[in-house]
C-alpha cells in the first residue's frame, strides 16, 4: 500500500465517522426536542411564570379600577 492510499483511507474514515456522528446527533435532537448541551427549560419557565404573574396583576388592577369607578359614580 502506498502512502497516498493510506491517507485516502484515513480521510475516508474521518468523513465516515463525522457523517455517522452528525446523523446520530440529528436523530437524538429530533427525538428529544431539547438542546443536547445546556438546558433552556428553566429560563423559559421563569420567563413564562413572570409573564403570567404580570397578566394576573394587570387583570386585578383593571378589575379594581372598574370597581372604584363604579363606586365613585354611585
Protein backbone atom coordinates (compact mmCIF):
# COMPACT_ATOMS: atom_id res chain seq x y z
CA UNK A 1 0.00 0.00 0.00
CA UNK A 2 1.41 3.36 -0.97
CA UNK A 3 1.49 6.45 1.19
CA UNK A 4 -1.33 8.23 -0.73
CA UNK A 5 -3.58 5.18 -0.45
CA UNK A 6 -3.07 5.19 3.32
CA UNK A 7 -4.01 8.86 3.67
CA UNK A 8 -7.04 8.39 1.40
CA UNK A 9 -8.19 5.61 3.73
CA UNK A 10 -7.64 7.81 6.83
CA UNK A 11 -9.54 10.72 5.30
CA UNK A 12 -12.35 8.36 4.29
CA UNK A 13 -12.66 7.05 7.87
CA UNK A 14 -12.68 10.61 9.25
CA UNK A 15 -15.52 11.59 6.90
CA UNK A 16 -17.43 8.38 7.68
CA UNK A 17 -17.09 8.96 11.43
CA UNK A 18 -18.22 12.58 11.05
CA UNK A 19 -21.24 11.56 8.98
CA UNK A 20 -22.31 8.91 11.48
CA UNK A 21 -21.83 11.27 14.43
CA UNK A 22 -23.83 14.01 12.68
CA UNK A 23 -26.63 11.58 11.89
CA UNK A 24 -26.80 10.36 15.49
CA UNK A 25 -26.76 13.95 16.76
CA UNK A 26 -29.61 15.00 14.46
CA UNK A 27 -31.70 11.94 15.32
CA UNK A 28 -31.32 12.45 19.08
CA UNK A 29 -32.02 16.16 18.67
CA UNK A 30 -35.23 15.50 16.77
CA UNK A 31 -36.35 12.85 19.25
CA UNK A 32 -35.64 14.93 22.35
CA UNK A 33 -36.83 18.31 21.05
CA UNK A 34 -34.35 19.71 23.57
CA UNK A 35 -30.84 21.04 23.10
CA UNK A 36 -28.18 18.38 23.64
CA UNK A 37 -25.87 20.72 25.54
CA UNK A 38 -27.35 23.02 28.19
CA UNK A 39 -30.91 23.30 29.37
CA UNK A 40 -33.06 26.26 28.41
CA UNK A 41 -36.19 24.89 30.08
CA UNK A 42 -35.60 26.67 33.39
CA UNK A 43 -35.08 30.03 31.68
CA UNK A 44 -38.25 29.51 29.64
CA UNK A 45 -40.21 28.50 32.74
CA UNK A 46 -39.07 31.55 34.69
CA UNK A 47 -39.98 33.89 31.82
CA UNK A 48 -43.35 32.19 31.41
CA UNK A 49 -44.12 32.47 35.14
CA UNK A 50 -43.18 36.16 35.17
CA UNK A 51 -45.45 36.79 32.18
CA UNK A 52 -48.34 35.01 33.89
CA UNK A 53 -47.80 37.00 37.10
CA UNK A 54 -47.83 40.25 35.13
CA UNK A 55 -51.04 39.26 33.35
CA UNK A 56 -52.73 38.38 36.66
CA UNK A 57 -51.63 41.68 38.20
CA UNK A 58 -52.93 43.60 35.17
CA UNK A 59 -56.31 41.87 35.40
CA UNK A 60 -56.53 42.57 39.14
CA UNK A 61 -55.67 46.23 38.62
CA UNK A 62 -58.19 46.53 35.81
CA UNK A 63 -60.88 44.92 37.97
CA UNK A 64 -60.05 47.19 40.93
CA UNK A 65 -60.15 50.29 38.73
CA UNK A 66 -63.52 49.26 37.32
CA UNK A 67 -64.91 48.70 40.84
CA UNK A 68 -63.52 52.04 42.06
CA UNK A 69 -65.01 53.87 39.09
CA UNK A 70 -68.36 52.19 39.72
CA UNK A 71 -68.26 53.23 43.40
CA UNK A 72 -67.30 56.78 42.51
CA UNK A 73 -70.22 57.12 40.12
CA UNK A 74 -72.71 55.79 42.64
